[in-house]
Amino acid sequence: MKRTAPNGLSLDHRGISRCFWCGDDPVYVTYHDTEWGFPVRDDTRLFEKICLEGFQSGLSWLTILRKRENFRNAFQGFNLATVAAFTPRDVNRLLHDVGIVRHRGKIESTINNARRALELVAEAGSLAEYFWTFEPTQASRPKIIDLATLRSLTKSAESTALSKDLKTRGWSFVGPTTCYAFMQAMGLVNDHLEGCFVRSKMTRR
């Protein structure tokens, strides 16, 4: 049984405080405790996440999270070269895959973005080298991440700049809000609430 704590935190039966949004769903709690906000520099994981953020548009992240293994199987582990080589036959296959979100535009966007990602890797050396150049400075970040602040953080100057640059490079489904959610998840920003045990863990890194 979880109890609500001040500032949007929740307390579990052991008294551990977490961000409210993960609720008590075991899948979501594990994601919050072990993934969300942890810095990622692996290109495959970065590509997977920005694609899944695109699929999440209009849906809850928990819906995507529960389907994530299906997405990984459908998109061959989100290997850049493999996805970039997908053909119209693969699009048709994916449109009939009940384990994922069957949205033609988002499926075709993922294939397109894989091709654009290969171009970016050739230019920057890796996706990590590119994405982490958009990490905001500490001075530009809110001094306290409380509930009201978190709810206002749907995009930032950096996520807007990332979105604009990606679109210039031909990427799709990468609006400023999608890019900010990606930055939150991949650890470019630490948006765990003050008092969340993961925030303190990230601050000590």
Foldseek 3Di string as FASTA:
>chain_A
DWDADPQQWIQDPVRATFHNVLPPDPLSVCCRQPFFQAADQDQLVLLLLLLLLLQCVVHDVVLSSVLVVVVCVLQVSSDLVSLLPDDVVSLVVQCPRPSGRNDSVSSVLSNQVSVLQVVVCVVQVGVSSVLLVLQDDPVQDDPFQGNVNLVVPQFDPSLQVVLVVVVVSPHPSRHRSSSSSSCRRNNSDPNIHVSRPVSVVNVVD
